[in-house]
């Protein structure tokens, strides 16, 4: 499909640089399967979901993945985006010309450093740190910066350490937040429990590639980034049990949706899964697992806007986004949310 079909004008004033406080006070645009639009709030979720529905949460935890170091007398920035081994990460370097295999980057005065072990195209490098495991996580916490999306035009600060993390984050490894989940609070989760809405977790470590623009003119020519994830046997069983009792599977975020759809068999059976996914969802994709999607408002021409257009229908989402822009909804990672019903046209074979 032509990428320009997914373009729209977004005023800069609609881009949120901070979340609302408290986080569950965000607005929620409900988009029905027939294209109907209803303005609600995230706190209304217990009224919008039914007993027996299943929330699927991505429990990945964001690490401080932006690092600033020195190469000789010069400086370099490393943006980690995918773990390769216990002590080794793929990263985007800026400026990349300063790095080649064997060159060391000094990251802190306490000896924390990394060595470039490989160099690719487009500023990509692979770096091996002088420590791994928990020691590396501790060093990143001490010296790294919150990897805020590039459209938030300010430095990260102490508040972002909590704002850019879900309340249920557990598995270290993401370099971008599963942002739909940022709206959920302990009180809201308790209210959903009381409503009889079940929940389970999966893990997809969101990479910085999620922010890469689609530079191709046609979606067939875009190469999707790879991210690593896990669907446990317990999560697969929870989906099967929900289906058996007639409940709906509600993905909290596009990351949870992509992982579930990566793990499903052609007959619709969700299997335990561990590995990488580079699933690129565009209109015409046949969804096999997810019935509803809680998600934020995404960038023009992005793979995420393509995904929601596949889920709810392109014209429906163009109308929903036009409504959101006109009505003052806040966009992107720290913005408001939408609750999408899967459209019937999203269930045709690709």
C-alpha atoms as a PDB file:
ATOM      1  CA  UNK A   1       0.000   0.000   0.000  1.00  0.00           C
ATOM      2  CA  UNK A   2       1.074   3.594  -0.534  1.00  0.00           C
ATOM      3  CA  UNK A   3       2.591   5.038   2.628  1.00  0.00           C
ATOM      4  CA  UNK A   4       1.040   8.439   1.967  1.00  0.00           C
ATOM      5  CA  UNK A   5      -2.379   6.898   2.664  1.00  0.00           C
ATOM      6  CA  UNK A   6      -1.339   6.928   6.335  1.00  0.00           C
ATOM      7  CA  UNK A   7      -0.308  10.576   6.439  1.00  0.00           C
ATOM      8  CA  UNK A   8      -2.176  13.327   8.289  1.00  0.00           C
ATOM      9  CA  UNK A   9      -1.469  16.816   9.596  1.00  0.00           C
ATOM     10  CA  UNK A  10      -0.774  17.000  13.313  1.00  0.00           C
ATOM     11  CA  UNK A  11      -0.307  20.368  15.048  1.00  0.00           C
ATOM     12  CA  UNK A  12       2.751  20.423  17.299  1.00  0.00           C
ATOM     13  CA  UNK A  13       0.530  21.644  20.126  1.00  0.00           C
ATOM     14  CA  UNK A  14      -1.124  18.201  20.213  1.00  0.00           C
ATOM     15  CA  UNK A  15       2.155  16.435  21.114  1.00  0.00           C
ATOM     16  CA  UNK A  16       2.342  15.747  24.860  1.00  0.00           C
ATOM     17  CA  UNK A  17       5.689  16.276  26.583  1.00  0.00           C
ATOM     18  CA  UNK A  18       4.387  15.213  30.011  1.00  0.00           C
ATOM     19  CA  UNK A  19       1.636  12.784  31.042  1.00  0.00           C
ATOM     20  CA  UNK A  20      -1.451  13.881  32.923  1.00  0.00           C
ATOM     21  CA  UNK A  21      -1.361  13.444  36.687  1.00  0.00           C
ATOM     22  CA  UNK A  22      -2.676  11.074  37.865  1.00  0.00           C
ATOM     23  CA  UNK A  23      -1.987   8.932  34.849  1.00  0.00           C
ATOM     24  CA  UNK A  24      -5.457   7.342  34.725  1.00  0.00           C
ATOM     25  CA  UNK A  25      -7.003  10.811  34.278  1.00  0.00           C
ATOM     26  CA  UNK A  26      -6.130  10.639  30.565  1.00  0.00           C
ATOM     27  CA  UNK A  27      -8.897  10.905  27.995  1.00  0.00           C
ATOM     28  CA  UNK A  28     -10.092   7.836  26.100  1.00  0.00           C
ATOM     29  CA  UNK A  29     -11.608   7.835  22.616  1.00  0.00           C
ATOM     30  CA  UNK A  30     -13.739   4.739  22.037  1.00  0.00           C
ATOM     31  CA  UNK A  31     -13.828   3.653  18.396  1.00  0.00           C
ATOM     32  CA  UNK A  32     -16.583   1.165  17.624  1.00  0.00           C
ATOM     33  CA  UNK A  33     -16.480  -1.557  14.994  1.00  0.00           C
ATOM     34  CA  UNK A  34     -18.901   0.470  12.892  1.00  0.00           C
ATOM     35  CA  UNK A  35     -16.811   3.630  13.172  1.00  0.00           C
ATOM     36  CA  UNK A  36     -18.779   5.271  15.985  1.00  0.00           C
ATOM     37  CA  UNK A  37     -16.775   7.604  18.236  1.00  0.00           C
ATOM     38  CA  UNK A  38     -17.404   8.203  21.945  1.00  0.00           C
ATOM     39  CA  UNK A  39     -15.396  10.477  24.246  1.00  0.00           C
ATOM     40  CA  UNK A  40     -14.681   8.850  27.590  1.00  0.00           C
ATOM     41  CA  UNK A  41     -11.837   8.641  30.120  1.00  0.00           C
ATOM     42  CA  UNK A  42      -9.340   5.923  30.954  1.00  0.00           C
ATOM     43  CA  UNK A  43     -10.989   5.600  34.386  1.00  0.00           C
ATOM     44  CA  UNK A  44     -14.131   4.420  32.546  1.00  0.00           C
ATOM     45  CA  UNK A  45     -12.442   1.181  31.466  1.00  0.00           C
ATOM     46  CA  UNK A  46     -14.260  -0.977  34.062  1.00  0.00           C
ATOM     47  CA  UNK A  47     -17.562   0.180  32.534  1.00  0.00           C
ATOM     48  CA  UNK A  48     -16.330  -0.422  28.991  1.00  0.00           C
ATOM     49  CA  UNK A  49     -15.101  -3.984  29.521  1.00  0.00           C
ATOM     50  CA  UNK A  50     -17.178  -7.006  30.469  1.00  0.00           C
ATOM     51  CA  UNK A  51     -16.695  -9.642  33.160  1.00  0.00           C
ATOM     52  CA  UNK A  52     -14.811 -12.489  31.520  1.00  0.00           C
ATOM     53  CA  UNK A  53     -12.770 -10.220  29.238  1.00  0.00           C
ATOM     54  CA  UNK A  54      -8.985 -10.642  29.395  1.00  0.00           C
ATOM     55  CA  UNK A  55      -6.475  -7.802  29.504  1.00  0.00           C
ATOM     56  CA  UNK A  56      -3.080  -8.740  28.072  1.00  0.00           C
ATOM     57  CA  UNK A  57      -0.323  -6.503  29.487  1.00  0.00           C
ATOM     58  CA  UNK A  58       3.273  -6.172  28.318  1.00  0.00           C
ATOM     59  CA  UNK A  59       5.365  -6.338  31.497  1.00  0.00           C
ATOM     60  CA  UNK A  60       8.660  -5.248  29.952  1.00  0.00           C
ATOM     61  CA  UNK A  61      10.661  -2.734  31.976  1.00  0.00           C
ATOM     62  CA  UNK A  62      12.377   0.263  30.380  1.00  0.00           C
ATOM     63  CA  UNK A  63      16.084   0.613  31.110  1.00  0.00           C
ATOM     64  CA  UNK A  64      18.032   3.921  30.962  1.00  0.00           C
ATOM     65  CA  UNK A  65      19.280   3.069  27.490  1.00  0.00           C
ATOM     66  CA  UNK A  66      20.688   6.420  26.323  1.00  0.00           C
ATOM     67  CA  UNK A  67      24.373   6.780  27.148  1.00  0.00           C
ATOM     68  CA  UNK A  68      26.851   9.600  26.619  1.00  0.00           C
ATOM     69  CA  UNK A  69      30.554   8.813  26.529  1.00  0.00           C
ATOM     70  CA  UNK A  70      33.947   9.819  25.252  1.00  0.00           C
ATOM     71  CA  UNK A  71      36.094   8.482  22.453  1.00  0.00           C
ATOM     72  CA  UNK A  72      39.466  10.105  22.888  1.00  0.00           C
ATOM     73  CA  UNK A  73      38.833  13.847  23.068  1.00  0.00           C
ATOM     74  CA  UNK A  74      35.422  13.601  21.401  1.00  0.00           C
ATOM     75  CA  UNK A  75      31.955  12.662  22.616  1.00  0.00           C
ATOM     76  CA  UNK A  76      29.555  10.015  21.359  1.00  0.00           C
ATOM     77  CA  UNK A  77      25.964   9.058  22.159  1.00  0.00           C
ATOM     78  CA  UNK A  78      24.823   5.440  22.261  1.00  0.00           C
ATOM     79  CA  UNK A  79      21.148   4.552  22.067  1.00  0.00           C
ATOM     80  CA  UNK A  80      20.803   0.874  22.947  1.00  0.00           C
ATOM     81  CA  UNK A  81      18.019  -0.878  21.065  1.00  0.00           C
ATOM     82  CA  UNK A  82      18.398  -4.667  21.299  1.00  0.00           C
ATOM     83  CA  UNK A  83      20.207  -6.993  23.686  1.00  0.00           C
ATOM     84  CA  UNK A  84      22.435  -9.504  21.857  1.00  0.00           C
ATOM     85  CA  UNK A  85      24.045 -11.178  24.865  1.00  0.00           C
ATOM     86  CA  UNK A  86      24.403 -10.669  28.607  1.00  0.00           C
ATOM     87  CA  UNK A  87      27.009  -7.944  28.074  1.00  0.00           C
ATOM     88  CA  UNK A  88      26.401  -7.001  24.421  1.00  0.00           C
ATOM     89  CA  UNK A  89      23.862  -4.689  22.760  1.00  0.00           C
ATOM     90  CA  UNK A  90      23.041  -3.378  19.322  1.00  0.00           C
ATOM     91  CA  UNK A  91      22.889   0.402  19.423  1.00  0.00           C
ATOM     92  CA  UNK A  92      22.554   3.521  17.317  1.00  0.00           C
ATOM     93  CA  UNK A  93      25.666   5.699  17.610  1.00  0.00           C
ATOM     94  CA  UNK A  94      25.881   9.429  17.027  1.00  0.00           C
ATOM     95  CA  UNK A  95      28.207  10.338  15.452  1.00  0.00           C
ATOM     96  CA  UNK A  96      28.833   6.823  14.174  1.00  0.00           C
ATOM     97  CA  UNK A  97      31.984   7.830  12.318  1.00  0.00           C
ATOM     98  CA  UNK A  98      33.875   7.849  15.604  1.00  0.00           C
ATOM     99  CA  UNK A  99      33.284   4.156  16.149  1.00  0.00           C
ATOM    100  CA  UNK A 100      34.798   1.140  14.445  1.00  0.00           C
ATOM    101  CA  UNK A 101      35.540  -2.367  15.750  1.00  0.00           C
ATOM    102  CA  UNK A 102      38.018  -2.195  18.588  1.00  0.00           C
ATOM    103  CA  UNK A 103      37.322   1.420  19.593  1.00  0.00           C
ATOM    104  CA  UNK A 104      36.404   1.901  23.253  1.00  0.00           C
ATOM    105  CA  UNK A 105      33.840   4.342  24.636  1.00  0.00           C
ATOM    106  CA  UNK A 106      34.435   5.612  28.185  1.00  0.00           C
ATOM    107  CA  UNK A 107      31.007   6.021  29.789  1.00  0.00           C
ATOM    108  CA  UNK A 108      31.802   7.048  33.383  1.00  0.00           C
ATOM    109  CA  UNK A 109      34.726   7.936  35.601  1.00  0.00           C
ATOM    110  CA  UNK A 110      34.232   4.750  37.614  1.00  0.00           C
ATOM    111  CA  UNK A 111      35.548   2.687  34.678  1.00  0.00           C
ATOM    112  CA  UNK A 112      32.246   1.850  33.007  1.00  0.00           C
ATOM    113  CA  UNK A 113      33.050   1.402  29.312  1.00  0.00           C
ATOM    114  CA  UNK A 114      32.058  -0.367  26.124  1.00  0.00           C
ATOM    115  CA  UNK A 115      33.977  -1.529  23.073  1.00  0.00           C
ATOM    116  CA  UNK A 116      32.604  -1.466  19.542  1.00  0.00           C
ATOM    117  CA  UNK A 117      32.696  -5.017  18.162  1.00  0.00           C
ATOM    118  CA  UNK A 118      30.807  -4.511  14.897  1.00  0.00           C
ATOM    119  CA  UNK A 119      29.517  -1.693  12.714  1.00  0.00           C
ATOM    120  CA  UNK A 120      26.546  -1.720  10.359  1.00  0.00           C
ATOM    121  CA  UNK A 121      24.642   0.722   8.196  1.00  0.00           C
ATOM    122  CA  UNK A 122      22.704   3.799   9.262  1.00  0.00           C
ATOM    123  CA  UNK A 123      24.666   4.455  12.456  1.00  0.00           C
ATOM    124  CA  UNK A 124      24.135   0.969  13.882  1.00  0.00           C
ATOM    125  CA  UNK A 125      26.899  -0.571  15.985  1.00  0.00           C
ATOM    126  CA  UNK A 126      27.271  -3.520  18.315  1.00  0.00           C
ATOM    127  CA  UNK A 127      28.983  -2.779  21.627  1.00  0.00           C
ATOM    128  CA  UNK A 128      30.277  -5.080  24.345  1.00  0.00           C
ATOM    129  CA  UNK A 129      30.297  -3.668  27.871  1.00  0.00           C
ATOM    130  CA  UNK A 130      32.904  -4.361  30.522  1.00  0.00           C
ATOM    131  CA  UNK A 131      30.218  -6.028  32.650  1.00  0.00           C
ATOM    132  CA  UNK A 132      26.980  -7.929  32.153  1.00  0.00           C
ATOM    133  CA  UNK A 133      23.817  -9.054  33.904  1.00  0.00           C
ATOM    134  CA  UNK A 134      22.841  -7.247  37.081  1.00  0.00           C
ATOM    135  CA  UNK A 135      26.097  -5.282  37.141  1.00  0.00           C
ATOM    136  CA  UNK A 136      25.334  -3.834  33.713  1.00  0.00           C
ATOM    137  CA  UNK A 137      21.768  -2.964  34.722  1.00  0.00           C
ATOM    138  CA  UNK A 138      23.112  -1.191  37.807  1.00  0.00           C
ATOM    139  CA  UNK A 139      25.600   0.775  35.699  1.00  0.00           C
ATOM    140  CA  UNK A 140      22.862   1.805  33.274  1.00  0.00           C
ATOM    141  CA  UNK A 141      20.685   2.928  36.187  1.00  0.00           C
ATOM    142  CA  UNK A 142      23.586   4.989  37.535  1.00  0.00           C
ATOM    143  CA  UNK A 143      24.824   6.538  34.302  1.00  0.00           C
ATOM    144  CA  UNK A 144      22.140   6.114  31.634  1.00  0.00           C
ATOM    145  CA  UNK A 145      19.304   8.404  30.650  1.00  0.00           C
ATOM    146  CA  UNK A 146      15.621   7.647  30.094  1.00  0.00           C
ATOM    147  CA  UNK A 147      15.256   6.999  26.335  1.00  0.00           C
ATOM    148  CA  UNK A 148      12.475   9.483  25.687  1.00  0.00           C
ATOM    149  CA  UNK A 149      11.034   9.390  22.165  1.00  0.00           C
ATOM    150  CA  UNK A 150      12.666  11.811  19.708  1.00  0.00           C
ATOM    151  CA  UNK A 151       9.476  13.874  19.405  1.00  0.00           C
ATOM    152  CA  UNK A 152       9.692  14.907  23.078  1.00  0.00           C
ATOM    153  CA  UNK A 153      11.965  17.901  22.693  1.00  0.00           C
ATOM    154  CA  UNK A 154      13.483  18.177  26.154  1.00  0.00           C
ATOM    155  CA  UNK A 155      16.080  16.353  28.254  1.00  0.00           C
ATOM    156  CA  UNK A 156      14.909  13.535  30.491  1.00  0.00           C
ATOM    157  CA  UNK A 157      14.677  14.177  34.224  1.00  0.00           C
ATOM    158  CA  UNK A 158      13.959  12.386  37.490  1.00  0.00           C
ATOM    159  CA  UNK A 159      10.206  12.471  36.922  1.00  0.00           C
ATOM    160  CA  UNK A 160      10.580  10.497  33.701  1.00  0.00           C
ATOM    161  CA  UNK A 161      12.106   7.606  35.648  1.00  0.00           C
ATOM    162  CA  UNK A 162       8.628   6.824  36.974  1.00  0.00           C
ATOM    163  CA  UNK A 163       6.424   8.437  34.305  1.00  0.00           C
ATOM    164  CA  UNK A 164       7.970   6.373  31.494  1.00  0.00           C
ATOM    165  CA  UNK A 165       7.365   3.045  33.257  1.00  0.00           C
ATOM    166  CA  UNK A 166       4.197   1.018  33.718  1.00  0.00           C
ATOM    167  CA  UNK A 167       3.170   0.206  37.286  1.00  0.00           C
ATOM    168  CA  UNK A 168       3.484  -3.510  36.459  1.00  0.00           C
ATOM    169  CA  UNK A 169       6.884  -3.374  34.711  1.00  0.00           C
ATOM    170  CA  UNK A 170       8.961  -6.419  35.643  1.00  0.00           C
ATOM    171  CA  UNK A 171      11.253  -7.800  32.912  1.00  0.00           C
ATOM    172  CA  UNK A 172      14.274  -5.553  32.267  1.00  0.00           C
ATOM    173  CA  UNK A 173      15.091  -4.946  28.629  1.00  0.00           C
ATOM    174  CA  UNK A 174      12.924  -2.354  26.826  1.00  0.00           C
ATOM    175  CA  UNK A 175      14.353   0.877  25.490  1.00  0.00           C
ATOM    176  CA  UNK A 176      10.902   2.341  24.807  1.00  0.00           C
ATOM    177  CA  UNK A 177       7.799   2.086  26.956  1.00  0.00           C
ATOM    178  CA  UNK A 178       4.686   0.078  26.036  1.00  0.00           C
ATOM    179  CA  UNK A 179       2.873   3.372  26.283  1.00  0.00           C
ATOM    180  CA  UNK A 180      -0.771   2.268  26.418  1.00  0.00           C
ATOM    181  CA  UNK A 181       0.013   0.681  29.771  1.00  0.00           C
ATOM    182  CA  UNK A 182       1.310   3.969  31.179  1.00  0.00           C
ATOM    183  CA  UNK A 183      -2.322   4.978  31.795  1.00  0.00           C
ATOM    184  CA  UNK A 184      -3.054   2.128  34.196  1.00  0.00           C
ATOM    185  CA  UNK A 185      -2.790   2.624  37.956  1.00  0.00           C
ATOM    186  CA  UNK A 186      -3.024   0.197  40.861  1.00  0.00           C
ATOM    187  CA  UNK A 187      -6.458   1.621  41.717  1.00  0.00           C
ATOM    188  CA  UNK A 188      -7.704   1.180  38.158  1.00  0.00           C
ATOM    189  CA  UNK A 189      -6.382  -2.384  38.002  1.00  0.00           C
ATOM    190  CA  UNK A 190      -8.176  -3.106  41.281  1.00  0.00           C
ATOM    191  CA  UNK A 191     -11.409  -1.703  39.810  1.00  0.00           C
ATOM    192  CA  UNK A 192     -10.994  -3.948  36.769  1.00  0.00           C
ATOM    193  CA  UNK A 193     -10.446  -6.918  39.082  1.00  0.00           C
ATOM    194  CA  UNK A 194     -13.658  -6.069  40.926  1.00  0.00           C
ATOM    195  CA  UNK A 195     -15.461  -5.891  37.579  1.00  0.00           C
ATOM    196  CA  UNK A 196     -14.388  -9.462  36.810  1.00  0.00           C
ATOM    197  CA  UNK A 197     -11.935  -8.540  34.058  1.00  0.00           C
ATOM    198  CA  UNK A 198      -9.067 -11.020  34.053  1.00  0.00           C
ATOM    199  CA  UNK A 199      -5.505 -10.171  33.102  1.00  0.00           C
ATOM    200  CA  UNK A 200      -2.304 -11.886  32.072  1.00  0.00           C
ATOM    201  CA  UNK A 201       1.150 -10.679  31.045  1.00  0.00           C
ATOM    202  CA  UNK A 202       3.436 -11.219  28.107  1.00  0.00           C
ATOM    203  CA  UNK A 203       6.868  -9.681  27.523  1.00  0.00           C
ATOM    204  CA  UNK A 204       8.007  -7.825  24.425  1.00  0.00           C
ATOM    205  CA  UNK A 205      11.151  -5.762  24.843  1.00  0.00           C
ATOM    206  CA  UNK A 206      10.303  -2.661  22.843  1.00  0.00           C
ATOM    207  CA  UNK A 207      13.212  -1.400  20.743  1.00  0.00           C
ATOM    208  CA  UNK A 208      14.171   2.071  19.557  1.00  0.00           C
ATOM    209  CA  UNK A 209      13.284   0.898  16.061  1.00  0.00           C
ATOM    210  CA  UNK A 210       9.657   1.540  16.985  1.00  0.00           C
ATOM    211  CA  UNK A 211      10.386   5.253  16.380  1.00  0.00           C
ATOM    212  CA  UNK A 212      12.111   4.793  13.009  1.00  0.00           C
ATOM    213  CA  UNK A 213      10.233   6.559  10.207  1.00  0.00           C
ATOM    214  CA  UNK A 214       8.886   4.661   7.232  1.00  0.00           C
ATOM    215  CA  UNK A 215      11.051   6.045   4.429  1.00  0.00           C
ATOM    216  CA  UNK A 216       9.716   3.809   1.670  1.00  0.00           C
ATOM    217  CA  UNK A 217       6.912   4.959  -0.616  1.00  0.00           C
ATOM    218  CA  UNK A 218       5.187   1.568  -0.419  1.00  0.00           C
ATOM    219  CA  UNK A 219       4.648  -0.588   2.661  1.00  0.00           C
ATOM    220  CA  UNK A 220       5.996  -3.626   0.769  1.00  0.00           C
ATOM    221  CA  UNK A 221       9.422  -1.976   0.729  1.00  0.00           C
ATOM    222  CA  UNK A 222       9.660  -1.248   4.467  1.00  0.00           C
ATOM    223  CA  UNK A 223      11.864  -3.496   6.622  1.00  0.00           C
ATOM    224  CA  UNK A 224      10.408  -3.918  10.098  1.00  0.00           C
ATOM    225  CA  UNK A 225      12.638  -3.859  13.184  1.00  0.00           C
ATOM    226  CA  UNK A 226      13.009  -7.052  15.254  1.00  0.00           C
ATOM    227  CA  UNK A 227      12.036  -7.211  18.926  1.00  0.00           C
ATOM    228  CA  UNK A 228      12.361 -10.100  21.378  1.00  0.00           C
ATOM    229  CA  UNK A 229       9.461 -11.449  23.378  1.00  0.00           C
ATOM    230  CA  UNK A 230       7.935 -14.255  25.401  1.00  0.00           C
ATOM    231  CA  UNK A 231       4.432 -15.672  25.666  1.00  0.00           C
ATOM    232  CA  UNK A 232       4.313 -18.076  28.608  1.00  0.00           C
ATOM    233  CA  UNK A 233       2.259 -21.247  28.756  1.00  0.00           C
ATOM    234  CA  UNK A 234       0.144 -19.543  31.438  1.00  0.00           C
ATOM    235  CA  UNK A 235      -0.614 -16.589  29.148  1.00  0.00           C
ATOM    236  CA  UNK A 236      -1.509 -18.899  26.268  1.00  0.00           C
ATOM    237  CA  UNK A 237      -3.824 -20.854  28.578  1.00  0.00           C
ATOM    238  CA  UNK A 238      -5.479 -17.642  29.797  1.00  0.00           C
ATOM    239  CA  UNK A 239      -6.289 -16.679  26.200  1.00  0.00           C
ATOM    240  CA  UNK A 240      -7.693 -20.156  25.499  1.00  0.00           C
ATOM    241  CA  UNK A 241      -9.851 -20.026  28.644  1.00  0.00           C
ATOM    242  CA  UNK A 242     -11.160 -16.583  27.689  1.00  0.00           C
ATOM    243  CA  UNK A 243     -12.106 -17.817  24.257  1.00  0.00           C
ATOM    244  CA  UNK A 244     -13.847 -20.874  25.752  1.00  0.00           C
ATOM    245  CA  UNK A 245     -16.060 -18.741  28.011  1.00  0.00           C
ATOM    246  CA  UNK A 246     -16.917 -16.248  25.249  1.00  0.00           C
ATOM    247  CA  UNK A 247     -14.813 -13.384  26.585  1.00  0.00           C
ATOM    248  CA  UNK A 248     -12.833 -10.891  24.545  1.00  0.00           C
ATOM    249  CA  UNK A 249      -9.038 -10.618  24.400  1.00  0.00           C
ATOM    250  CA  UNK A 250      -8.045  -6.986  24.974  1.00  0.00           C
ATOM    251  CA  UNK A 251      -4.439  -6.118  24.126  1.00  0.00           C
ATOM    252  CA  UNK A 252      -3.005  -3.235  26.141  1.00  0.00           C
ATOM    253  CA  UNK A 253      -0.800  -1.693  23.510  1.00  0.00           C
ATOM    254  CA  UNK A 254       0.408  -2.504  20.025  1.00  0.00           C
ATOM    255  CA  UNK A 255       3.405  -4.348  21.479  1.00  0.00           C
ATOM    256  CA  UNK A 256       1.191  -6.893  23.250  1.00  0.00           C
ATOM    257  CA  UNK A 257      -0.899  -7.242  20.096  1.00  0.00           C
ATOM    258  CA  UNK A 258       2.107  -7.825  17.816  1.00  0.00           C
ATOM    259  CA  UNK A 259       3.508 -10.444  20.152  1.00  0.00           C
ATOM    260  CA  UNK A 260       0.217 -12.319  20.452  1.00  0.00           C
ATOM    261  CA  UNK A 261      -0.273 -12.283  16.705  1.00  0.00           C
ATOM    262  CA  UNK A 262       3.310 -13.512  16.234  1.00  0.00           C
ATOM    263  CA  UNK A 263       2.701 -16.511  18.498  1.00  0.00           C
ATOM    264  CA  UNK A 264      -0.618 -17.690  17.088  1.00  0.00           C
ATOM    265  CA  UNK A 265      -0.980 -20.766  14.889  1.00  0.00           C
ATOM    266  CA  UNK A 266      -2.908 -20.586  11.582  1.00  0.00           C
ATOM    267  CA  UNK A 267      -5.889 -22.256  13.265  1.00  0.00           C
ATOM    268  CA  UNK A 268      -6.042 -19.485  15.880  1.00  0.00           C
ATOM    269  CA  UNK A 269      -4.418 -21.446  18.716  1.00  0.00           C
ATOM    270  CA  UNK A 270      -2.057 -19.307  20.776  1.00  0.00           C
ATOM    271  CA  UNK A 271       1.167 -21.149  21.545  1.00  0.00           C
ATOM    272  CA  UNK A 272       3.886 -20.490  24.106  1.00  0.00           C
ATOM    273  CA  UNK A 273       6.536 -18.449  22.320  1.00  0.00           C
ATOM    274  CA  UNK A 274      10.035 -17.173  22.896  1.00  0.00           C
ATOM    275  CA  UNK A 275      12.067 -15.398  20.264  1.00  0.00           C
ATOM    276  CA  UNK A 276      12.096 -12.466  17.917  1.00  0.00           C
ATOM    277  CA  UNK A 277       9.318 -10.919  15.905  1.00  0.00           C
ATOM    278  CA  UNK A 278       9.412  -8.468  13.035  1.00  0.00           C
ATOM    279  CA  UNK A 279       5.696  -8.709  12.283  1.00  0.00           C
ATOM    280  CA  UNK A 280       4.568  -5.739  10.170  1.00  0.00           C
ATOM    281  CA  UNK A 281       0.785  -5.335  10.257  1.00  0.00           C
ATOM    282  CA  UNK A 282      -0.944  -3.344   7.516  1.00  0.00           C
ATOM    283  CA  UNK A 283      -4.556  -3.277   6.274  1.00  0.00           C
ATOM    284  CA  UNK A 284      -5.577  -6.692   4.979  1.00  0.00           C
ATOM    285  CA  UNK A 285      -3.920  -8.552   7.858  1.00  0.00           C
ATOM    286  CA  UNK A 286      -6.104 -11.283   9.385  1.00  0.00           C
ATOM    287  CA  UNK A 287      -6.173 -10.924  13.164  1.00  0.00           C
ATOM    288  CA  UNK A 288      -6.476 -14.243  14.979  1.00  0.00           C
ATOM    289  CA  UNK A 289      -6.165 -13.395  18.689  1.00  0.00           C
ATOM    290  CA  UNK A 290      -7.027  -9.821  19.670  1.00  0.00           C
ATOM    291  CA  UNK A 291     -10.605  -8.505  19.786  1.00  0.00           C
ATOM    292  CA  UNK A 292     -10.025  -5.035  21.252  1.00  0.00           C
ATOM    293  CA  UNK A 293      -6.993  -2.779  21.509  1.00  0.00           C
ATOM    294  CA  UNK A 294      -6.113  -0.083  24.052  1.00  0.00           C
ATOM    295  CA  UNK A 295      -3.529   2.177  22.456  1.00  0.00           C
ATOM    296  CA  UNK A 296      -2.219   5.733  22.309  1.00  0.00           C
ATOM    297  CA  UNK A 297      -2.384   8.111  19.340  1.00  0.00           C
ATOM    298  CA  UNK A 298       0.462   7.508  16.913  1.00  0.00           C
ATOM    299  CA  UNK A 299       2.658   9.340  14.418  1.00  0.00           C
ATOM    300  CA  UNK A 300       1.647  10.006  10.821  1.00  0.00           C
ATOM    301  CA  UNK A 301       3.128   7.508   8.338  1.00  0.00           C
ATOM    302  CA  UNK A 302       4.229   5.233  11.191  1.00  0.00           C
ATOM    303  CA  UNK A 303       4.012   1.455  11.389  1.00  0.00           C
ATOM    304  CA  UNK A 304       1.821   1.906  14.479  1.00  0.00           C
ATOM    305  CA  UNK A 305      -0.764   4.018  12.671  1.00  0.00           C
ATOM    306  CA  UNK A 306      -0.717   1.372   9.934  1.00  0.00           C
ATOM    307  CA  UNK A 307      -1.385  -1.288  12.564  1.00  0.00           C
ATOM    308  CA  UNK A 308      -4.382   0.489  14.109  1.00  0.00           C
ATOM    309  CA  UNK A 309      -5.709   1.155  10.610  1.00  0.00           C
ATOM    310  CA  UNK A 310      -5.499  -2.573   9.893  1.00  0.00           C
ATOM    311  CA  UNK A 311      -7.304  -3.298  13.160  1.00  0.00           C
ATOM    312  CA  UNK A 312     -10.162  -0.798  13.020  1.00  0.00           C
ATOM    313  CA  UNK A 313     -10.157   0.247   9.353  1.00  0.00           C
ATOM    314  CA  UNK A 314      -8.187   2.996   7.622  1.00  0.00           C
ATOM    315  CA  UNK A 315     -11.094   5.361   7.027  1.00  0.00           C
ATOM    316  CA  UNK A 316     -12.364   4.786  10.569  1.00  0.00           C
ATOM    317  CA  UNK A 317      -8.975   5.680  12.026  1.00  0.00           C
ATOM    318  CA  UNK A 318      -8.545   8.700   9.778  1.00  0.00           C
ATOM    319  CA  UNK A 319     -11.906   9.962  11.063  1.00  0.00           C
ATOM    320  CA  UNK A 320     -11.010   9.105  14.669  1.00  0.00           C
ATOM    321  CA  UNK A 321      -7.700  10.966  14.463  1.00  0.00           C
ATOM    322  CA  UNK A 322      -9.346  13.983  12.830  1.00  0.00           C
ATOM    323  CA  UNK A 323     -11.831  14.041  15.724  1.00  0.00           C
ATOM    324  CA  UNK A 324      -9.032  13.668  18.288  1.00  0.00           C
ATOM    325  CA  UNK A 325      -7.022  16.525  16.769  1.00  0.00           C
ATOM    326  CA  UNK A 326     -10.034  18.832  16.580  1.00  0.00           C
ATOM    327  CA  UNK A 327     -11.129  17.994  20.132  1.00  0.00           C
ATOM    328  CA  UNK A 328      -7.748  18.549  21.767  1.00  0.00           C
ATOM    329  CA  UNK A 329      -6.631  14.993  22.516  1.00  0.00           C
ATOM    330  CA  UNK A 330      -2.957  14.663  23.436  1.00  0.00           C
ATOM    331  CA  UNK A 331      -0.805  12.533  21.116  1.00  0.00           C
ATOM    332  CA  UNK A 332       2.090  10.076  21.373  1.00  0.00           C
ATOM    333  CA  UNK A 333       3.795   8.373  24.300  1.00  0.00           C
ATOM    334  CA  UNK A 334       2.655  10.745  27.066  1.00  0.00           C
ATOM    335  CA  UNK A 335      -0.693  11.485  25.444  1.00  0.00           C
ATOM    336  CA  UNK A 336      -4.250  10.204  25.689  1.00  0.00           C
ATOM    337  CA  UNK A 337      -5.584   6.783  24.695  1.00  0.00           C
ATOM    338  CA  UNK A 338      -8.090   5.092  22.427  1.00  0.00           C
ATOM    339  CA  UNK A 339     -10.038   1.855  22.794  1.00  0.00           C
ATOM    340  CA  UNK A 340     -10.553   0.189  19.421  1.00  0.00           C
ATOM    341  CA  UNK A 341     -12.985  -2.534  18.458  1.00  0.00           C
ATOM    342  CA  UNK A 342     -11.745  -4.819  15.716  1.00  0.00           C
ATOM    343  CA  UNK A 343     -13.517  -4.097  12.458  1.00  0.00           C
ATOM    344  CA  UNK A 344     -14.891  -6.900  10.322  1.00  0.00           C
ATOM    345  CA  UNK A 345     -12.762  -5.722   7.405  1.00  0.00           C
ATOM    346  CA  UNK A 346      -9.701  -6.373   9.556  1.00  0.00           C
ATOM    347  CA  UNK A 347     -10.434 -10.085   9.449  1.00  0.00           C
ATOM    348  CA  UNK A 348      -9.826 -10.701   5.769  1.00  0.00           C
ATOM    349  CA  UNK A 349      -6.883 -12.711   4.533  1.00  0.00           C
ATOM    350  CA  UNK A 350      -3.806 -10.783   3.540  1.00  0.00           C
END
